[in-house]
Amino acid sequence: MEFTKEDLAKIASGIQKTLSEADRVVFRWDTGGADVPEDQKLVRFLLEKAFAQTMLLLDAAKLHETLEAVQRLNDEAKIDYSQTDYYEDVFLVWSSKLERYIEPFLPSVPPNEIEEQALSQLEVICSGFNSAAKVFASRRRKRTPLEIEDEYDVQDSLKLSCEFILVMSGLKNRILASRDNLLG
């Protein structure tokens, strides 16, 4: 069976969604959420799934040498699929590495469109900041309000919002993979 470029792009997009889901779990670890065994099991499941899907993608694309490289990478990853590293923020090592192999199959987005999407997301964040501050001030269940006292609190709140959007949109892996490609 022959796969079209569109078929391969759909498969790659599905893999990217799986990797993004694993990244969301790890993002909770970085933001004070629990790093519990259930989370590690979920990350392991998601990365095993992503590796299997990537190997099928590369086989369908008839990229056998690249497939062998991903198989070797998978053998390394099996030791600890939930291995993380830190570059400005926590990220999944194997998710970041695997993203490099699926990136060429993803539909390309022109740079100006990426900039427009980023600006649009920043506008959404900033326009909703007053609403977020009100939520901080009146928390549920009689919890102590979170107060924004100075510009550092504003910066931290904006950074958290930006990180959340990056993780949710799957851009974080693409940015890390691009950075890794540039750095060698």
C-alpha atoms as a PDB file:
ATOM      1  CA  MET A   1       0.000   0.000   0.000  1.00  0.00           C
ATOM      2  CA  GLU A   2       1.324   3.417  -0.955  1.00  0.00           C
ATOM      3  CA  PHE A   3       0.875   6.364   1.375  1.00  0.00           C
ATOM      4  CA  THR A   4       0.386   9.880   0.121  1.00  0.00           C
ATOM      5  CA  LYS A   5       2.158  12.885   1.576  1.00  0.00           C
ATOM      6  CA  GLU A   6      -1.145  13.855   3.207  1.00  0.00           C
ATOM      7  CA  ASP A   7      -1.480  10.388   4.784  1.00  0.00           C
ATOM      8  CA  LEU A   8       2.008  10.665   6.261  1.00  0.00           C
ATOM      9  CA  ALA A   9       1.239  14.184   7.529  1.00  0.00           C
ATOM     10  CA  LYS A  10      -1.889  12.904   9.310  1.00  0.00           C
ATOM     11  CA  ILE A  11       0.095  10.109  10.958  1.00  0.00           C
ATOM     12  CA  ALA A  12       2.804  12.576  12.027  1.00  0.00           C
ATOM     13  CA  SER A  13       0.172  14.942  13.435  1.00  0.00           C
ATOM     14  CA  GLY A  14      -1.247  12.066  15.488  1.00  0.00           C
ATOM     15  CA  ILE A  15       2.218  11.298  16.847  1.00  0.00           C
ATOM     16  CA  GLN A  16       2.691  14.962  17.701  1.00  0.00           C
ATOM     17  CA  LYS A  17      -0.583  14.915  19.670  1.00  0.00           C
ATOM     18  CA  THR A  18       0.621  11.870  21.613  1.00  0.00           C
ATOM     19  CA  LEU A  19       3.912  13.613  22.423  1.00  0.00           C
ATOM     20  CA  SER A  20       2.055  16.771  23.458  1.00  0.00           C
ATOM     21  CA  GLU A  21      -0.081  14.741  25.836  1.00  0.00           C
ATOM     22  CA  ALA A  22       3.056  13.314  27.460  1.00  0.00           C
ATOM     23  CA  ASP A  23       4.496  16.819  27.694  1.00  0.00           C
ATOM     24  CA  ARG A  24       1.353  18.038  29.471  1.00  0.00           C
ATOM     25  CA  VAL A  25       1.889  15.405  32.152  1.00  0.00           C
ATOM     26  CA  VAL A  26       5.508  16.498  32.650  1.00  0.00           C
ATOM     27  CA  PHE A  27       4.438  20.147  32.691  1.00  0.00           C
ATOM     28  CA  ARG A  28       2.363  19.339  35.798  1.00  0.00           C
ATOM     29  CA  TRP A  29       5.542  18.041  37.461  1.00  0.00           C
ATOM     30  CA  ASP A  30       7.324  21.317  36.744  1.00  0.00           C
ATOM     31  CA  THR A  31       4.450  23.444  38.027  1.00  0.00           C
ATOM     32  CA  GLY A  32       4.195  21.669  41.355  1.00  0.00           C
ATOM     33  CA  GLY A  33       1.904  18.822  40.330  1.00  0.00           C
ATOM     34  CA  ALA A  34       2.600  15.353  41.581  1.00  0.00           C
ATOM     35  CA  ASP A  35       5.316  13.263  39.958  1.00  0.00           C
ATOM     36  CA  VAL A  36       3.529  10.072  40.925  1.00  0.00           C
ATOM     37  CA  PRO A  37       4.047   6.544  39.621  1.00  0.00           C
ATOM     38  CA  GLU A  38       0.725   6.715  37.727  1.00  0.00           C
ATOM     39  CA  ASP A  39       2.010   9.751  35.824  1.00  0.00           C
ATOM     40  CA  GLN A  40       5.236   7.947  35.001  1.00  0.00           C
ATOM     41  CA  LYS A  41       3.234   4.949  33.743  1.00  0.00           C
ATOM     42  CA  LEU A  42       1.148   7.255  31.563  1.00  0.00           C
ATOM     43  CA  VAL A  43       4.252   8.947  30.141  1.00  0.00           C
ATOM     44  CA  ARG A  44       5.792   5.536  29.451  1.00  0.00           C
ATOM     45  CA  PHE A  45       2.638   4.387  27.662  1.00  0.00           C
ATOM     46  CA  LEU A  46       2.428   7.558  25.572  1.00  0.00           C
ATOM     47  CA  LEU A  47       6.085   7.445  24.559  1.00  0.00           C
ATOM     48  CA  GLU A  48       5.965   3.728  23.731  1.00  0.00           C
ATOM     49  CA  LYS A  49       2.952   4.523  21.562  1.00  0.00           C
ATOM     50  CA  ALA A  50       4.736   7.468  19.909  1.00  0.00           C
ATOM     51  CA  PHE A  51       7.833   5.375  19.178  1.00  0.00           C
ATOM     52  CA  ALA A  52       5.718   2.573  17.673  1.00  0.00           C
ATOM     53  CA  GLN A  53       3.761   5.054  15.557  1.00  0.00           C
ATOM     54  CA  THR A  54       6.978   6.749  14.402  1.00  0.00           C
ATOM     55  CA  MET A  55       8.510   3.432  13.389  1.00  0.00           C
ATOM     56  CA  LEU A  56       5.368   2.608  11.390  1.00  0.00           C
ATOM     57  CA  LEU A  57       5.497   6.071   9.793  1.00  0.00           C
ATOM     58  CA  LEU A  58       9.117   5.647   8.754  1.00  0.00           C
ATOM     59  CA  ASP A  59       8.416   2.161   7.433  1.00  0.00           C
ATOM     60  CA  ALA A  60       5.464   3.497   5.409  1.00  0.00           C
ATOM     61  CA  ALA A  61       7.703   6.254   4.046  1.00  0.00           C
ATOM     62  CA  LYS A  62      10.325   3.620   3.182  1.00  0.00           C
ATOM     63  CA  LEU A  63      13.016   5.374   5.206  1.00  0.00           C
ATOM     64  CA  HIS A  64      14.695   2.235   6.468  1.00  0.00           C
ATOM     65  CA  GLU A  65      17.965   3.780   7.687  1.00  0.00           C
ATOM     66  CA  THR A  66      16.032   6.393   9.647  1.00  0.00           C
ATOM     67  CA  LEU A  67      13.786   3.636  10.983  1.00  0.00           C
ATOM     68  CA  GLU A  68      16.859   1.809  12.287  1.00  0.00           C
ATOM     69  CA  ALA A  69      18.040   5.011  13.995  1.00  0.00           C
ATOM     70  CA  VAL A  70      14.656   5.392  15.727  1.00  0.00           C
ATOM     71  CA  GLN A  71      14.751   1.734  16.779  1.00  0.00           C
ATOM     72  CA  ARG A  72      18.155   2.332  18.401  1.00  0.00           C
ATOM     73  CA  LEU A  73      16.799   5.485  20.049  1.00  0.00           C
ATOM     74  CA  ASN A  74      13.827   3.491  21.331  1.00  0.00           C
ATOM     75  CA  ASP A  75      16.193   0.900  22.832  1.00  0.00           C
ATOM     76  CA  GLU A  76      17.928   3.720  24.747  1.00  0.00           C
ATOM     77  CA  ALA A  77      14.605   5.252  25.796  1.00  0.00           C
ATOM     78  CA  LYS A  78      13.290   1.971  27.216  1.00  0.00           C
ATOM     79  CA  ILE A  79      15.586   2.436  30.220  1.00  0.00           C
ATOM     80  CA  ASP A  80      13.522   5.438  31.334  1.00  0.00           C
ATOM     81  CA  TYR A  81      10.865   6.838  29.015  1.00  0.00           C
ATOM     82  CA  SER A  82      10.025   9.516  31.579  1.00  0.00           C
ATOM     83  CA  GLN A  83      13.564  10.950  31.652  1.00  0.00           C
ATOM     84  CA  THR A  84      13.461  14.714  31.792  1.00  0.00           C
ATOM     85  CA  ASP A  85      15.976  17.477  31.354  1.00  0.00           C
ATOM     86  CA  TYR A  86      15.887  21.172  31.948  1.00  0.00           C
ATOM     87  CA  TYR A  87      16.489  24.007  29.503  1.00  0.00           C
ATOM     88  CA  GLU A  88      14.623  27.041  30.804  1.00  0.00           C
ATOM     89  CA  ASP A  89      11.844  24.560  31.678  1.00  0.00           C
ATOM     90  CA  VAL A  90      11.500  20.851  32.181  1.00  0.00           C
ATOM     91  CA  PHE A  91      11.003  18.721  29.057  1.00  0.00           C
ATOM     92  CA  LEU A  92      10.870  15.051  28.146  1.00  0.00           C
ATOM     93  CA  VAL A  93      14.187  14.004  26.645  1.00  0.00           C
ATOM     94  CA  TRP A  94      12.765  11.285  24.386  1.00  0.00           C
ATOM     95  CA  SER A  95       9.785  13.324  23.264  1.00  0.00           C
ATOM     96  CA  SER A  96      12.118  16.088  22.160  1.00  0.00           C
ATOM     97  CA  LYS A  97      14.379  13.668  20.293  1.00  0.00           C
ATOM     98  CA  LEU A  98      11.507  11.830  18.637  1.00  0.00           C
ATOM     99  CA  GLU A  99       9.958  15.095  17.455  1.00  0.00           C
ATOM    100  CA  ARG A 100      12.950  15.578  15.136  1.00  0.00           C
ATOM    101  CA  TYR A 101      11.970  12.494  13.181  1.00  0.00           C
ATOM    102  CA  ILE A 102       8.331  13.417  12.659  1.00  0.00           C
ATOM    103  CA  GLU A 103       8.860  17.128  12.019  1.00  0.00           C
ATOM    104  CA  PRO A 104       9.663  16.700   8.286  1.00  0.00           C
ATOM    105  CA  PHE A 105       6.284  14.983   7.772  1.00  0.00           C
ATOM    106  CA  LEU A 106       4.247  17.704   9.465  1.00  0.00           C
ATOM    107  CA  PRO A 107       2.546  20.250   7.253  1.00  0.00           C
ATOM    108  CA  SER A 108       4.824  23.250   7.020  1.00  0.00           C
ATOM    109  CA  VAL A 109       3.692  26.493   8.536  1.00  0.00           C
ATOM    110  CA  PRO A 110       5.159  29.661   7.025  1.00  0.00           C
ATOM    111  CA  PRO A 111       7.285  31.669   9.506  1.00  0.00           C
ATOM    112  CA  ASN A 112       5.028  34.711   9.270  1.00  0.00           C
ATOM    113  CA  GLU A 113       2.035  32.529  10.205  1.00  0.00           C
ATOM    114  CA  ILE A 114       3.901  31.196  13.250  1.00  0.00           C
ATOM    115  CA  GLU A 115       4.635  34.784  14.313  1.00  0.00           C
ATOM    116  CA  GLU A 116       0.994  35.730  13.794  1.00  0.00           C
ATOM    117  CA  GLN A 117      -0.138  32.737  15.873  1.00  0.00           C
ATOM    118  CA  ALA A 118       2.302  33.639  18.652  1.00  0.00           C
ATOM    119  CA  LEU A 119       1.202  37.275  18.702  1.00  0.00           C
ATOM    120  CA  SER A 120      -2.431  36.225  18.678  1.00  0.00           C
ATOM    121  CA  GLN A 121      -1.848  33.925  21.641  1.00  0.00           C
ATOM    122  CA  LEU A 122      -0.006  36.651  23.534  1.00  0.00           C
ATOM    123  CA  GLU A 123      -2.888  39.049  22.899  1.00  0.00           C
ATOM    124  CA  VAL A 124      -5.314  36.470  24.299  1.00  0.00           C
ATOM    125  CA  ILE A 125      -3.133  36.007  27.386  1.00  0.00           C
ATOM    126  CA  CYS A 126      -2.755  39.719  28.015  1.00  0.00           C
ATOM    127  CA  SER A 127      -6.397  40.548  27.345  1.00  0.00           C
ATOM    128  CA  GLY A 128      -7.472  37.936  29.885  1.00  0.00           C
ATOM    129  CA  PHE A 129      -4.975  38.943  32.538  1.00  0.00           C
ATOM    130  CA  ASN A 130      -7.455  41.059  34.535  1.00  0.00           C
ATOM    131  CA  SER A 131      -9.864  38.121  34.612  1.00  0.00           C
ATOM    132  CA  ALA A 132      -7.084  35.828  35.798  1.00  0.00           C
ATOM    133  CA  ALA A 133      -6.128  38.297  38.534  1.00  0.00           C
ATOM    134  CA  LYS A 134      -9.746  38.303  39.727  1.00  0.00           C
ATOM    135  CA  VAL A 135      -9.696  34.489  39.869  1.00  0.00           C
ATOM    136  CA  PHE A 136      -6.508  34.679  41.938  1.00  0.00           C
ATOM    137  CA  ALA A 137      -8.203  37.099  44.320  1.00  0.00           C
ATOM    138  CA  SER A 138     -11.418  35.087  44.834  1.00  0.00           C
ATOM    139  CA  ARG A 139     -10.508  31.436  45.010  1.00  0.00           C
ATOM    140  CA  ARG A 140     -12.919  28.603  45.646  1.00  0.00           C
ATOM    141  CA  ARG A 141     -13.502  26.818  48.923  1.00  0.00           C
ATOM    142  CA  LYS A 142     -12.314  29.732  51.049  1.00  0.00           C
ATOM    143  CA  ARG A 143      -8.725  29.264  49.936  1.00  0.00           C
ATOM    144  CA  THR A 144      -6.207  32.013  50.568  1.00  0.00           C
ATOM    145  CA  PRO A 145      -6.184  34.504  47.680  1.00  0.00           C
ATOM    146  CA  LEU A 146      -3.119  34.661  45.486  1.00  0.00           C
ATOM    147  CA  GLU A 147      -1.987  38.259  45.388  1.00  0.00           C
ATOM    148  CA  ILE A 148      -0.168  39.970  42.555  1.00  0.00           C
ATOM    149  CA  GLU A 149       1.970  42.456  44.402  1.00  0.00           C
ATOM    150  CA  ASP A 150       4.560  43.621  41.891  1.00  0.00           C
ATOM    151  CA  GLU A 151       5.879  43.308  38.339  1.00  0.00           C
ATOM    152  CA  TYR A 152       7.654  40.041  39.187  1.00  0.00           C
ATOM    153  CA  ASP A 153       4.330  38.431  40.084  1.00  0.00           C
ATOM    154  CA  VAL A 154       2.931  39.692  36.767  1.00  0.00           C
ATOM    155  CA  GLN A 155       5.925  38.256  34.893  1.00  0.00           C
ATOM    156  CA  ASP A 156       5.583  34.894  36.653  1.00  0.00           C
ATOM    157  CA  SER A 157       1.857  34.765  35.883  1.00  0.00           C
ATOM    158  CA  LEU A 158       2.448  35.623  32.223  1.00  0.00           C
ATOM    159  CA  LYS A 159       5.257  33.067  31.969  1.00  0.00           C
ATOM    160  CA  LEU A 160       2.996  30.370  33.390  1.00  0.00           C
ATOM    161  CA  SER A 161       0.251  31.290  30.914  1.00  0.00           C
ATOM    162  CA  CYS A 162       2.699  31.230  28.004  1.00  0.00           C
ATOM    163  CA  GLU A 163       4.130  27.880  29.064  1.00  0.00           C
ATOM    164  CA  PHE A 164       0.654  26.427  29.351  1.00  0.00           C
ATOM    165  CA  ILE A 165      -0.233  27.529  25.847  1.00  0.00           C
ATOM    166  CA  LEU A 166       3.061  26.244  24.433  1.00  0.00           C
ATOM    167  CA  VAL A 167       2.550  22.840  25.968  1.00  0.00           C
ATOM    168  CA  MET A 168      -1.078  22.675  24.946  1.00  0.00           C
ATOM    169  CA  SER A 169      -0.351  23.606  21.342  1.00  0.00           C
ATOM    170  CA  GLY A 170       2.574  21.240  20.944  1.00  0.00           C
ATOM    171  CA  LEU A 171       4.899  24.037  19.913  1.00  0.00           C
ATOM    172  CA  LYS A 172       7.284  23.432  22.786  1.00  0.00           C
ATOM    173  CA  ASN A 173       8.592  20.187  21.283  1.00  0.00           C
ATOM    174  CA  ARG A 174       8.997  21.793  17.886  1.00  0.00           C
ATOM    175  CA  ILE A 175      10.934  24.704  19.382  1.00  0.00           C
ATOM    176  CA  LEU A 176      13.210  22.392  21.389  1.00  0.00           C
ATOM    177  CA  ALA A 177      13.812  20.151  18.379  1.00  0.00           C
ATOM    178  CA  SER A 178      14.696  23.173  16.238  1.00  0.00           C
ATOM    179  CA  ARG A 179      17.038  24.442  18.949  1.00  0.00           C
ATOM    180  CA  ASP A 180      18.702  21.026  19.218  1.00  0.00           C
ATOM    181  CA  ASN A 181      19.129  20.884  15.427  1.00  0.00           C
ATOM    182  CA  LEU A 182      20.765  24.325  15.442  1.00  0.00           C
ATOM    183  CA  LEU A 183      23.075  23.425  18.321  1.00  0.00           C
ATOM    184  CA  GLY A 184      24.103  20.167  16.673  1.00  0.00           C
END
